[in-house]
Protein backbone atom coordinates (compact mmCIF):
# COMPACT_ATOMS: atom_id res chain seq x y z
CA MET A 1 0.00 -0.12 0.02
CA PHE A 2 1.25 3.54 -0.75
CA LEU A 3 0.14 7.02 0.32
CA GLU A 4 -1.47 9.24 -2.31
CA LYS A 5 0.98 11.48 -3.91
CA GLY A 6 0.37 14.71 -1.93
CA ALA A 7 0.31 12.74 1.49
CA ALA A 8 3.33 10.78 0.37
CA GLN A 9 5.27 13.92 -0.43
CA ARG A 10 4.51 15.42 2.96
CA GLU A 11 5.49 12.16 4.76
CA VAL A 12 8.93 12.32 3.02
CA LYS A 13 9.43 16.01 4.06
CA GLU A 14 8.32 15.29 7.55
CA CYS A 15 10.82 12.39 7.68
CA LYS A 16 13.63 14.49 6.54
CA ILE A 17 12.89 17.31 8.96
CA ASN A 18 12.79 14.58 11.89
CA LYS A 19 16.23 13.30 10.79
CA ARG A 20 17.83 16.83 10.50
CA LYS A 21 19.82 18.06 13.29
CA GLY A 22 18.64 21.39 14.59
CA GLY A 23 15.25 20.78 12.80
CA LYS A 24 12.02 19.71 14.63
CA MET A 25 12.55 19.39 18.44
CA TYR A 26 9.77 16.98 19.21
CA LYS A 27 8.53 13.57 18.09
CA HIS A 28 4.89 12.57 18.31
CA GLU A 29 2.50 9.49 18.10
CA PHE A 30 -1.22 9.51 17.46
CA GLN A 31 -3.31 6.94 19.07
CA PHE A 32 -6.74 6.27 17.82
CA THR A 33 -9.38 4.24 19.50
CA VAL A 34 -11.52 2.48 16.92
CA PHE A 35 -14.60 0.24 17.13
CA VAL A 36 -15.99 -1.83 14.08
CA ASN A 37 -18.99 -4.02 13.51
CA HIS A 38 -16.91 -6.85 12.07
CA LYS A 39 -15.22 -10.09 13.37
CA GLU A 40 -11.53 -10.01 14.07
CA SER A 41 -10.91 -12.58 11.38
CA LEU A 42 -12.43 -10.35 8.70
CA ILE A 43 -10.39 -7.33 9.86
CA GLU A 44 -7.28 -9.57 9.91
CA ARG A 45 -7.80 -10.63 6.33
CA GLY A 46 -8.50 -7.08 5.32
CA LEU A 47 -5.25 -5.72 6.85
CA LYS A 48 -3.14 -8.58 5.31
CA GLY A 49 -4.46 -7.54 1.93
CA LEU A 50 -2.97 -3.99 2.56
CA ARG A 51 0.42 -5.58 3.24
CA PHE A 52 0.34 -5.34 6.91
CA ARG A 53 2.50 -7.66 8.73
CA LYS A 54 1.29 -9.67 11.70
CA LYS A 55 3.40 -9.43 14.78
CA GLY A 56 1.75 -11.38 17.67
CA ASP A 57 -1.71 -10.01 18.15
CA SER A 58 -0.89 -6.78 16.19
CA PHE A 59 -0.45 -5.61 12.63
CA THR A 60 2.16 -3.21 11.50
CA LEU A 61 2.81 -1.21 8.31
CA ASP A 62 6.19 0.47 8.15
CA MET A 63 7.30 3.14 5.56
CA ASP A 64 10.48 4.90 5.80
CA CYS A 65 10.00 6.96 8.97
CA THR A 66 6.25 6.48 9.29
CA TYR A 67 4.66 3.47 11.10
CA PHE A 68 0.87 2.50 11.58
CA HIS A 69 0.25 -0.18 13.99
CA VAL A 70 -3.12 -1.85 14.69
CA VAL A 71 -3.64 -3.65 17.88
CA PRO A 72 -7.01 -5.37 18.92
CA PHE A 73 -8.30 -5.01 22.40
CA GLN A 74 -7.01 -7.63 24.65
CA HIS A 75 -10.45 -7.84 26.24
CA GLN A 76 -13.32 -7.07 23.61
CA PRO A 77 -16.48 -5.33 24.83
CA ARG A 78 -19.51 -7.40 25.30
CA SER A 79 -21.33 -6.10 22.21
CA SER A 80 -21.29 -6.62 18.40
CA LEU A 81 -18.37 -4.15 18.12
CA ASN A 82 -14.79 -5.01 18.18
CA GLY A 83 -12.16 -2.43 19.54
CA TYR A 84 -8.72 -1.57 18.22
CA ARG A 85 -5.97 0.68 19.22
CA CYS A 86 -4.09 2.28 16.22
CA TYR A 87 -0.66 4.08 16.43
CA CYS A 88 0.78 6.27 14.01
CA ASN A 89 3.84 8.76 13.83
CA GLY A 90 2.97 10.28 10.51
CA SER A 91 1.48 13.66 9.54
CA ILE A 92 -2.20 14.61 10.10
CA GLU A 93 -2.86 13.83 6.27
CA GLY A 94 -0.86 10.47 6.34
CA ALA A 95 -2.57 9.29 9.60
CA THR A 96 -6.15 10.11 8.34
CA TYR A 97 -5.31 8.34 5.00
CA LEU A 98 -3.87 5.33 6.69
CA LEU A 99 -6.72 4.93 9.09
CA ASP A 100 -9.31 5.45 6.32
CA THR A 101 -7.66 2.90 4.12
CA SER A 102 -7.24 0.24 6.96
CA PHE A 103 -10.86 0.71 8.23
CA GLY A 104 -13.00 2.91 5.99
CA TRP A 105 -14.78 -0.10 4.54
CA THR A 106 -16.02 -1.13 7.92
CA ASP A 107 -17.86 2.14 8.78
CA PRO A 108 -15.65 2.60 11.98
CA GLU A 109 -16.41 4.52 15.07
CA VAL A 110 -13.34 6.61 16.38
CA THR A 111 -14.21 7.40 19.84
CA GLY A 112 -10.90 8.78 21.06
CA ILE A 113 -7.56 10.34 19.91
CA LEU A 114 -4.49 10.82 21.93
CA CYS A 115 -1.37 12.63 20.73
CA THR A 116 1.90 12.14 22.76
CA ILE A 117 4.49 14.73 22.09
CA LYS A 118 8.09 14.35 23.20
CA ASP A 119 10.11 17.60 23.30
CA ASP A 120 13.89 17.00 23.73
CA ASP A 121 14.27 20.43 25.45
CA LYS A 122 11.83 19.91 28.02
CA THR A 123 11.66 17.88 31.32
CA GLN A 124 8.36 16.97 33.08
CA GLU A 125 9.07 19.85 35.50
CA ASP A 126 9.64 22.22 32.53
CA TRP A 127 6.25 21.10 31.00
CA ILE A 128 4.31 21.66 34.36
CA HIS A 129 5.79 25.15 34.68
CA HIS A 130 4.91 25.88 30.97
CA LEU A 131 1.41 24.76 31.26
CA GLN A 132 0.98 26.53 34.61
CA ASN A 133 1.70 29.87 32.94
CA HIS A 134 -0.24 29.21 29.80
CA VAL A 135 -3.31 31.52 29.47
CA HIS A 136 -5.73 28.71 28.16
CA CYS A 137 -4.34 25.87 30.51
CA HIS A 138 -5.90 25.39 33.99
CA MET A 139 -4.48 22.86 36.40
CA VAL A 140 -6.68 19.99 37.36
CA ASP A 141 -4.14 17.87 39.27
CA ALA A 142 -0.71 19.04 40.57
CA ARG A 143 0.94 15.76 39.41
CA GLY A 144 0.45 17.02 35.90
CA LEU A 145 -3.05 17.16 34.63
CA PHE A 146 -4.41 20.16 32.89
CA ARG A 147 -7.47 21.33 31.00
CA TYR A 148 -6.91 23.24 27.83
CA LYS A 149 -10.25 24.61 26.91
CA LYS A 150 -12.37 21.53 26.52
CA THR A 151 -9.46 19.03 26.12
CA MET A 152 -7.35 17.38 28.77
CA VAL A 153 -3.53 17.55 28.77
CA SER A 154 -1.53 15.24 30.88
CA ILE A 155 2.26 15.06 31.73
CA VAL A 156 3.67 11.71 30.95
CA PRO A 157 7.26 10.29 31.17
CA GLU A 158 7.62 11.12 27.32
CA GLY A 159 6.33 14.50 27.45
CA ILE A 160 2.74 15.64 27.19
CA CYS A 161 -0.35 13.93 25.94
CA LEU A 162 -3.30 15.70 24.31
CA HIS A 163 -6.76 13.75 24.88
CA LEU A 164 -9.84 14.00 22.60
CA HIS A 165 -12.82 11.85 23.49
CA ALA A 166 -16.26 11.66 21.85
CA PRO A 167 -19.25 11.95 24.22
CA LYS A 168 -20.78 8.76 25.24
CA GLY A 169 -22.67 7.21 22.10
CA LYS A 170 -20.87 9.58 19.57
CA LYS A 171 -17.93 9.39 17.32
CA LEU A 172 -15.29 11.87 16.53
CA ASP A 173 -14.75 13.58 12.99
CA THR A 174 -11.17 12.08 12.63
CA LEU A 175 -9.64 14.86 10.42
CA LYS A 176 -11.25 17.67 12.26
CA SER A 177 -10.12 16.23 15.46
CA LEU A 178 -6.50 15.88 14.35
CA GLN A 179 -6.63 19.51 13.16
CA GLU A 180 -7.92 20.60 16.46
CA ILE A 181 -4.97 18.68 18.12
CA ASP A 182 -2.45 20.20 15.73
CA SER A 183 -3.84 23.77 16.65
CA MET A 184 -3.54 22.85 20.32
CA ARG A 185 -0.07 21.68 19.95
CA GLU A 186 0.96 24.79 17.94
CA ASN A 187 -0.48 27.03 20.65
CA ILE A 188 1.07 25.04 23.60
CA SER A 189 4.40 24.23 22.10
CA PRO A 190 5.29 25.83 18.63
CA LEU A 191 7.51 23.79 16.36
CA LYS A 192 11.19 24.96 16.28
CA TYR A 193 12.92 24.83 12.96
CA ASP A 194 16.29 25.66 11.64
CA LEU A 195 14.74 28.12 8.99
CA PHE A 196 17.61 28.10 6.56
CA SER A 197 18.07 24.33 6.64
CA PHE A 198 14.16 24.04 6.18
CA LEU A 199 14.27 26.35 3.08
CA GLU A 200 17.10 24.17 1.64
CA GLU A 201 15.13 21.14 1.96
CA GLU A 202 12.07 22.77 0.52
CA ASP A 203 14.08 23.53 -2.66
CA ALA A 204 15.57 20.03 -2.79
CA VAL A 205 12.00 18.27 -2.74
């Protein structure tokens, strides 16, 4: 399976920025909670048809610097729906495309999106101090839990985690939710670029 041309070009650029010294200072991972009304055996056949490799109970797709992993719930809910966690470190467009390609045919319900951000320049104490002084963040728990507008932000060993959850009985609009997360990330901790190096790579792509 391959990304569409536009998404693929963005993934390549993202990969180059991640590798470049003095470029982007954080790494991120999206986590999606997905429910589908299909048996696990059917989902497994579908993912294998998309060139996913099975490793234990999970399914993986690796492309250069980008990965997309699908992990079924260890204990499935007592309903007709089966639950999965999907992990991706790609761009918003790439993550949306991979999720849609993997599960779009199942009419999935995405009920939660987490984005974990690791910033090499910040410790946990730095993050707590930073969020305490942010105009839109309000501390909920002194151990590292904040509310950013209607979204929760928690301090984790890797950095911070942004949480978006659908109300009970509802599902998220995946692309809109990812755009909201990216807007939050930019507001809380803007990207740091080596501008001249970035322009050189723009010309090279």
